[in-house]
Amino acid sequence: MPLLGQPSPQVVPPGIQGSPTEEEGRAKLEKEMAKKANQERHADLKRDTDKLLKLATELKEYVDKSNENVLSLNVLKKAEQIEKLAHSVKDKMKGPN
């Protein structure tokens, strides 16, 4: 018990103030999580760009088969799919906000 006029000692509950090893562990875990998130984002980008290439190739084939007077509904649908996927790829390349 402190004497009158002396400051009382501060009691810090366990877990509030982390030890250096806890902070290092937390930093390492955060770094690993960020690395895993980047790897997943890269895999998503690769898959989406492969799909984008496939769709663009299909679009070219549809356009080559059509004539100047008629464009099929498939051509418009493919173009819309490409547009949506391209926006998705662009957003993923920007990374998390």
Protein backbone atom coordinates (compact mmCIF):
# COMPACT_ATOMS: atom_id res chain seq x y z
CA MET A 1 0.00 0.00 0.00
CA PRO A 2 1.53 3.35 -1.01
CA LEU A 3 2.13 6.00 1.56
CA LEU A 4 0.29 9.29 1.40
CA GLY A 5 1.81 11.61 -1.16
CA GLN A 6 3.43 8.81 -3.16
CA PRO A 7 2.04 7.81 -6.52
CA SER A 8 0.33 4.46 -6.61
CA PRO A 9 1.92 1.87 -8.90
CA GLN A 10 0.16 1.30 -12.22
CA VAL A 11 -1.26 -2.18 -12.64
CA VAL A 12 -1.31 -3.29 -16.26
CA PRO A 13 -3.63 -6.23 -16.93
CA PRO A 14 -1.97 -9.16 -18.66
CA GLY A 15 -2.35 -9.11 -22.44
CA ILE A 16 -2.69 -5.32 -22.70
CA GLN A 17 0.98 -4.63 -23.12
CA GLY A 18 2.62 -7.10 -25.48
CA SER A 19 6.11 -8.37 -25.00
CA PRO A 20 8.62 -7.87 -27.82
CA THR A 21 8.29 -11.52 -28.83
CA GLU A 22 4.49 -11.23 -28.99
CA GLU A 23 4.80 -8.13 -31.16
CA GLU A 24 7.34 -9.87 -33.40
CA GLY A 25 5.02 -12.86 -33.69
CA ARG A 26 2.09 -10.61 -34.52
CA ALA A 27 4.15 -8.76 -37.15
CA LYS A 28 5.30 -12.06 -38.66
CA LEU A 29 1.71 -13.34 -38.78
CA GLU A 30 0.51 -10.13 -40.46
CA LYS A 31 3.33 -10.39 -43.00
CA GLU A 32 2.45 -14.02 -43.76
CA MET A 33 -1.23 -13.13 -44.13
CA ALA A 34 -0.38 -10.28 -46.52
CA LYS A 35 1.87 -12.61 -48.54
CA LYS A 36 -0.89 -15.23 -48.75
CA ALA A 37 -3.43 -12.58 -49.81
CA ASN A 38 -1.04 -11.39 -52.55
CA GLN A 39 -0.53 -14.96 -53.75
CA GLU A 40 -4.30 -15.51 -53.91
CA ARG A 41 -4.78 -12.20 -55.73
CA HIS A 42 -2.06 -13.18 -58.24
CA ALA A 43 -3.71 -16.57 -58.83
CA ASP A 44 -7.06 -14.83 -59.38
CA LEU A 45 -5.43 -12.41 -61.83
CA LYS A 46 -3.82 -15.25 -63.75
CA ARG A 47 -7.09 -17.17 -63.96
CA ASP A 48 -9.04 -14.06 -65.02
CA THR A 49 -6.51 -13.00 -67.65
CA ASP A 50 -6.51 -16.54 -69.09
CA LYS A 51 -10.30 -16.34 -69.29
CA LEU A 52 -10.06 -12.86 -70.82
CA LEU A 53 -7.76 -14.20 -73.55
CA LYS A 54 -10.18 -17.07 -74.23
CA LEU A 55 -13.15 -14.70 -74.48
CA ALA A 56 -11.26 -12.33 -76.78
CA THR A 57 -10.30 -15.23 -79.04
CA GLU A 58 -13.93 -16.39 -79.15
CA LEU A 59 -15.08 -12.85 -79.93
CA LYS A 60 -12.64 -12.65 -82.83
CA GLU A 61 -13.90 -15.98 -84.18
CA TYR A 62 -17.53 -14.77 -83.97
CA VAL A 63 -16.67 -11.52 -85.73
CA ASP A 64 -14.72 -13.36 -88.43
CA LYS A 65 -17.74 -15.61 -89.08
CA SER A 66 -20.18 -12.71 -89.30
CA ASN A 67 -20.59 -10.33 -92.22
CA GLU A 68 -20.82 -6.55 -92.40
CA ASN A 69 -24.62 -6.63 -92.31
CA VAL A 70 -25.20 -8.91 -89.32
CA LEU A 71 -23.56 -9.20 -85.92
CA SER A 72 -24.92 -12.01 -83.81
CA LEU A 73 -26.17 -11.68 -80.27
CA ASN A 74 -23.21 -13.86 -79.25
CA VAL A 75 -20.82 -11.11 -80.36
CA LEU A 76 -22.53 -8.57 -78.11
CA LYS A 77 -22.65 -10.99 -75.17
CA LYS A 78 -18.95 -11.83 -75.53
CA ALA A 79 -18.06 -8.14 -75.69
CA GLU A 80 -20.04 -7.50 -72.48
CA GLN A 81 -18.36 -10.44 -70.73
CA ILE A 82 -14.95 -9.13 -71.78
CA GLU A 83 -15.79 -5.66 -70.52
CA LYS A 84 -16.92 -6.92 -67.09
CA LEU A 85 -13.92 -9.21 -66.73
CA ALA A 86 -11.51 -6.46 -67.80
CA HIS A 87 -12.92 -4.15 -65.11
CA SER A 88 -12.54 -6.95 -62.55
CA VAL A 89 -8.92 -7.53 -63.57
CA LYS A 90 -8.19 -3.81 -63.36
CA ASP A 91 -9.66 -3.61 -59.84
CA LYS A 92 -7.66 -6.64 -58.69
CA MET A 93 -4.46 -5.15 -60.09
CA LYS A 94 -5.03 -2.04 -57.99
CA GLY A 95 -5.04 -4.25 -54.91
CA PRO A 96 -6.93 -3.75 -51.67
CA ASN A 97 -7.94 -0.21 -50.80
